[in-house]
């Protein structure tokens, strides 16, 4: 078994040429069923919000965006309920520079980016992998050689210069190498 990650923006022929015989799956929010269920934007519902005592969210991305704090805006709990996979993101263009992620909806501590990845994003996404798409993870393991398409390919949690690839996290989880 081998799980690889490639950019969704790459030509399909290029991906197939690099990994001949591999099954190519789009796990982004624009991917087909059932693989779209791996998207952090997918509204599974009931996802525990870290540091928030029993509060749940529709999606992992909803949690990430809800707890983001900007110069011009604090947490936004409304992001926890977004189920359309659209309109979830909050941007620096609108709210100013990011100050960090709040450790919970009512938390006092602002986590820097690296800690927020490890203490908010990773636990929320792992919960989805274990509780909502465990069947699909098993399917991936049975498929053998697989290429997961994502918009980003960074699988290094500590590389804060590039967005983290959820497809890379799927591969690490499926291979028993969770960060």
Foldseek 3Di string as FASTA:
>chain_A
DAEAEDAPPDDPVVVCVVPPPAAEFEQDCPTDPPSVLLHQLAQCWPQDFAQAPRDAARGLLLSVQQQWAAPQGHGDNVSRHDHPSPPNHDDCVPRNHTPAGARYPPHPDGDHPLVCCVRGNLVRSVCCCVPPCVVVLVVVVVRPHYYYHDNDRDCDSPPPVDDHTSSSQSRCVSVVNHD
